[in-house]
Amino acid sequence: MSDPSVITEREPDPRQPWPRYASPGLEVISGADDVMLESLLMGDTGWFAGFPNVFAAESARLYDLAVAGKPAEARTVYEPLAARAADAIAPPPSGMKPYEVEEVMRVRRERREAQA
């Protein structure tokens, strides 16, 4: 493809100017959940990754707020979503017994709820 019109950006730092400003008319789609909010606020036109597969309603609301340029409101959706995702994917320390894993998950959940 010699002249792409859409690319996926997986840059961990959305402040990097390429490819957002490299080519006028180029649509950039965020491909990383952990920087999607920043990427959409920087002008990306789409997003695909893991969050929408697991948290569909929250992801749709987050996307709508981000592309509408409402970062404060978007953060209220993004922060608990990111915390839930981190709990779901963060493995407990190795060598733990099942009851210890349950305790770690309970403590994480309580901390998250206390911050809300």
C-alpha atoms as a PDB file:
ATOM      1  CA  MET A   1       0.000   0.000   0.000  1.00  0.00           C
ATOM      2  CA  SER A   2       1.774   3.115  -1.154  1.00  0.00           C
ATOM      3  CA  ASP A   3      -0.680   5.700   0.183  1.00  0.00           C
ATOM      4  CA  PRO A   4      -2.474   4.531   3.346  1.00  0.00           C
ATOM      5  CA  SER A   5      -5.379   6.584   4.621  1.00  0.00           C
ATOM      6  CA  VAL A   6      -5.739   4.810   7.986  1.00  0.00           C
ATOM      7  CA  ILE A   7      -3.090   3.375  10.290  1.00  0.00           C
ATOM      8  CA  THR A   8      -3.086   1.839  13.746  1.00  0.00           C
ATOM      9  CA  GLU A   9      -0.975   3.620  16.333  1.00  0.00           C
ATOM     10  CA  ARG A  10       0.510   1.519  19.122  1.00  0.00           C
ATOM     11  CA  GLU A  11       2.974   4.131  20.310  1.00  0.00           C
ATOM     12  CA  PRO A  12       3.142   3.997  24.116  1.00  0.00           C
ATOM     13  CA  ASP A  13       3.574   7.766  24.232  1.00  0.00           C
ATOM     14  CA  PRO A  14       0.743   9.544  22.355  1.00  0.00           C
ATOM     15  CA  ARG A  15       2.648  12.824  22.602  1.00  0.00           C
ATOM     16  CA  GLN A  16       4.955  11.607  19.847  1.00  0.00           C
ATOM     17  CA  PRO A  17       4.016  13.556  16.738  1.00  0.00           C
ATOM     18  CA  TRP A  18       4.455  10.827  14.179  1.00  0.00           C
ATOM     19  CA  PRO A  19       2.197   9.760  12.553  1.00  0.00           C
ATOM     20  CA  ARG A  20      -0.475  12.178  13.741  1.00  0.00           C
ATOM     21  CA  TYR A  21       1.041  15.154  11.969  1.00  0.00           C
ATOM     22  CA  ALA A  22       3.105  13.419   9.310  1.00  0.00           C
ATOM     23  CA  SER A  23       0.423  13.325   6.663  1.00  0.00           C
ATOM     24  CA  PRO A  24      -2.625  15.584   6.390  1.00  0.00           C
ATOM     25  CA  GLY A  25      -5.804  13.549   6.077  1.00  0.00           C
ATOM     26  CA  LEU A  26      -4.276  10.460   7.671  1.00  0.00           C
ATOM     27  CA  GLU A  27      -6.634   8.809  10.150  1.00  0.00           C
ATOM     28  CA  VAL A  28      -4.957   7.282  13.177  1.00  0.00           C
ATOM     29  CA  ILE A  29      -6.659   4.573  15.213  1.00  0.00           C
ATOM     30  CA  SER A  30      -5.466   3.916  18.751  1.00  0.00           C
ATOM     31  CA  GLY A  31      -4.467   0.313  19.321  1.00  0.00           C
ATOM     32  CA  ALA A  32      -3.547   0.439  23.000  1.00  0.00           C
ATOM     33  CA  ASP A  33      -5.970   0.612  25.919  1.00  0.00           C
ATOM     34  CA  ASP A  34      -3.535   2.214  28.329  1.00  0.00           C
ATOM     35  CA  VAL A  35      -3.109   5.342  26.177  1.00  0.00           C
ATOM     36  CA  MET A  36      -6.407   5.383  24.308  1.00  0.00           C
ATOM     37  CA  LEU A  37      -7.838   8.358  26.171  1.00  0.00           C
ATOM     38  CA  GLU A  38      -4.765  10.465  25.496  1.00  0.00           C
ATOM     39  CA  SER A  39      -4.668   9.274  21.888  1.00  0.00           C
ATOM     40  CA  LEU A  40      -8.303  10.140  21.229  1.00  0.00           C
ATOM     41  CA  LEU A  41      -7.849  13.543  22.838  1.00  0.00           C
ATOM     42  CA  MET A  42      -4.844  14.074  20.541  1.00  0.00           C
ATOM     43  CA  GLY A  43      -7.049  13.464  17.512  1.00  0.00           C
ATOM     44  CA  ASP A  44      -7.100   9.737  16.818  1.00  0.00           C
ATOM     45  CA  THR A  45     -10.333   8.851  15.053  1.00  0.00           C
ATOM     46  CA  GLY A  46     -10.851   5.340  16.364  1.00  0.00           C
ATOM     47  CA  TRP A  47      -9.831   2.769  18.924  1.00  0.00           C
ATOM     48  CA  PHE A  48      -9.576  -0.967  19.041  1.00  0.00           C
ATOM     49  CA  ALA A  49      -8.025  -3.122  21.702  1.00  0.00           C
ATOM     50  CA  GLY A  50      -9.098  -5.196  24.714  1.00  0.00           C
ATOM     51  CA  PHE A  51     -11.341  -2.904  26.779  1.00  0.00           C
ATOM     52  CA  PRO A  52     -14.230  -2.847  24.296  1.00  0.00           C
ATOM     53  CA  ASN A  53     -14.332  -6.652  24.253  1.00  0.00           C
ATOM     54  CA  VAL A  54     -14.821  -6.873  28.006  1.00  0.00           C
ATOM     55  CA  PHE A  55     -16.339  -3.526  28.980  1.00  0.00           C
ATOM     56  CA  ALA A  56     -18.488  -2.691  25.956  1.00  0.00           C
ATOM     57  CA  ALA A  57     -20.890  -0.122  27.452  1.00  0.00           C
ATOM     58  CA  GLU A  58     -18.195   1.680  29.435  1.00  0.00           C
ATOM     59  CA  SER A  59     -15.902   1.721  26.406  1.00  0.00           C
ATOM     60  CA  ALA A  60     -18.600   3.217  24.186  1.00  0.00           C
ATOM     61  CA  ARG A  61     -19.256   5.972  26.751  1.00  0.00           C
ATOM     62  CA  LEU A  62     -15.542   6.609  27.161  1.00  0.00           C
ATOM     63  CA  TYR A  63     -15.027   6.868  23.405  1.00  0.00           C
ATOM     64  CA  ASP A  64     -17.955   9.276  23.015  1.00  0.00           C
ATOM     65  CA  LEU A  65     -16.663  11.537  25.793  1.00  0.00           C
ATOM     66  CA  ALA A  66     -13.089  11.495  24.473  1.00  0.00           C
ATOM     67  CA  VAL A  67     -13.966  12.372  20.876  1.00  0.00           C
ATOM     68  CA  ALA A  68     -16.346  15.052  22.162  1.00  0.00           C
ATOM     69  CA  GLY A  69     -13.338  16.674  23.861  1.00  0.00           C
ATOM     70  CA  LYS A  70     -14.564  16.150  27.426  1.00  0.00           C
ATOM     71  CA  PRO A  71     -11.444  14.919  29.225  1.00  0.00           C
ATOM     72  CA  ALA A  72     -12.691  15.478  32.780  1.00  0.00           C
ATOM     73  CA  GLU A  73     -15.839  13.461  32.185  1.00  0.00           C
ATOM     74  CA  ALA A  74     -13.896  10.826  30.246  1.00  0.00           C
ATOM     75  CA  ARG A  75     -11.510  10.370  33.184  1.00  0.00           C
ATOM     76  CA  THR A  76     -14.435   9.523  35.475  1.00  0.00           C
ATOM     77  CA  VAL A  77     -15.189   6.575  33.185  1.00  0.00           C
ATOM     78  CA  TYR A  78     -11.579   5.674  32.328  1.00  0.00           C
ATOM     79  CA  GLU A  79     -10.050   5.489  35.807  1.00  0.00           C
ATOM     80  CA  PRO A  80     -12.386   2.853  37.295  1.00  0.00           C
ATOM     81  CA  LEU A  81     -12.310   0.971  33.991  1.00  0.00           C
ATOM     82  CA  ALA A  82      -8.515   0.884  34.008  1.00  0.00           C
ATOM     83  CA  ALA A  83      -8.514  -0.256  37.647  1.00  0.00           C
ATOM     84  CA  ARG A  84     -10.940  -3.081  36.874  1.00  0.00           C
ATOM     85  CA  ALA A  85      -8.850  -4.154  33.917  1.00  0.00           C
ATOM     86  CA  ALA A  86      -5.654  -4.061  35.980  1.00  0.00           C
ATOM     87  CA  ASP A  87      -7.245  -6.262  38.637  1.00  0.00           C
ATOM     88  CA  ALA A  88      -8.440  -8.677  35.989  1.00  0.00           C
ATOM     89  CA  ILE A  89      -5.079  -9.061  34.268  1.00  0.00           C
ATOM     90  CA  ALA A  90      -2.550  -8.482  37.052  1.00  0.00           C
ATOM     91  CA  PRO A  91      -1.414 -11.894  38.202  1.00  0.00           C
ATOM     92  CA  PRO A  92      -1.037 -12.419  41.920  1.00  0.00           C
ATOM     93  CA  PRO A  93       2.495 -13.097  43.140  1.00  0.00           C
ATOM     94  CA  SER A  94       3.678 -16.579  42.212  1.00  0.00           C
ATOM     95  CA  GLY A  95       3.706 -19.291  44.821  1.00  0.00           C
ATOM     96  CA  MET A  96       0.533 -18.083  46.522  1.00  0.00           C
ATOM     97  CA  LYS A  97      -2.018 -20.557  47.776  1.00  0.00           C
ATOM     98  CA  PRO A  98      -5.576 -20.180  46.400  1.00  0.00           C
ATOM     99  CA  TYR A  99      -6.918 -18.634  49.620  1.00  0.00           C
ATOM    100  CA  GLU A 100      -4.060 -16.088  49.520  1.00  0.00           C
ATOM    101  CA  VAL A 101      -4.928 -15.151  45.926  1.00  0.00           C
ATOM    102  CA  GLU A 102      -8.541 -14.587  46.984  1.00  0.00           C
ATOM    103  CA  GLU A 103      -7.328 -12.299  49.782  1.00  0.00           C
ATOM    104  CA  VAL A 104      -5.145 -10.266  47.408  1.00  0.00           C
ATOM    105  CA  MET A 105      -8.082  -9.819  45.030  1.00  0.00           C
ATOM    106  CA  ARG A 106     -10.380  -8.833  47.930  1.00  0.00           C
ATOM    107  CA  VAL A 107      -7.912  -6.187  49.128  1.00  0.00           C
ATOM    108  CA  ARG A 108      -7.506  -4.797  45.590  1.00  0.00           C
ATOM    109  CA  ARG A 109     -11.281  -4.603  45.207  1.00  0.00           C
ATOM    110  CA  GLU A 110     -11.695  -2.829  48.563  1.00  0.00           C
ATOM    111  CA  ARG A 111      -8.996  -0.294  47.723  1.00  0.00           C
ATOM    112  CA  ARG A 112     -10.604   0.428  44.383  1.00  0.00           C
ATOM    113  CA  GLU A 113     -14.028   0.862  45.993  1.00  0.00           C
ATOM    114  CA  ALA A 114     -12.581   3.149  48.677  1.00  0.00           C
ATOM    115  CA  GLN A 115     -11.078   5.388  45.982  1.00  0.00           C
ATOM    116  CA  ALA A 116     -14.407   5.688  44.114  1.00  0.00           C
END
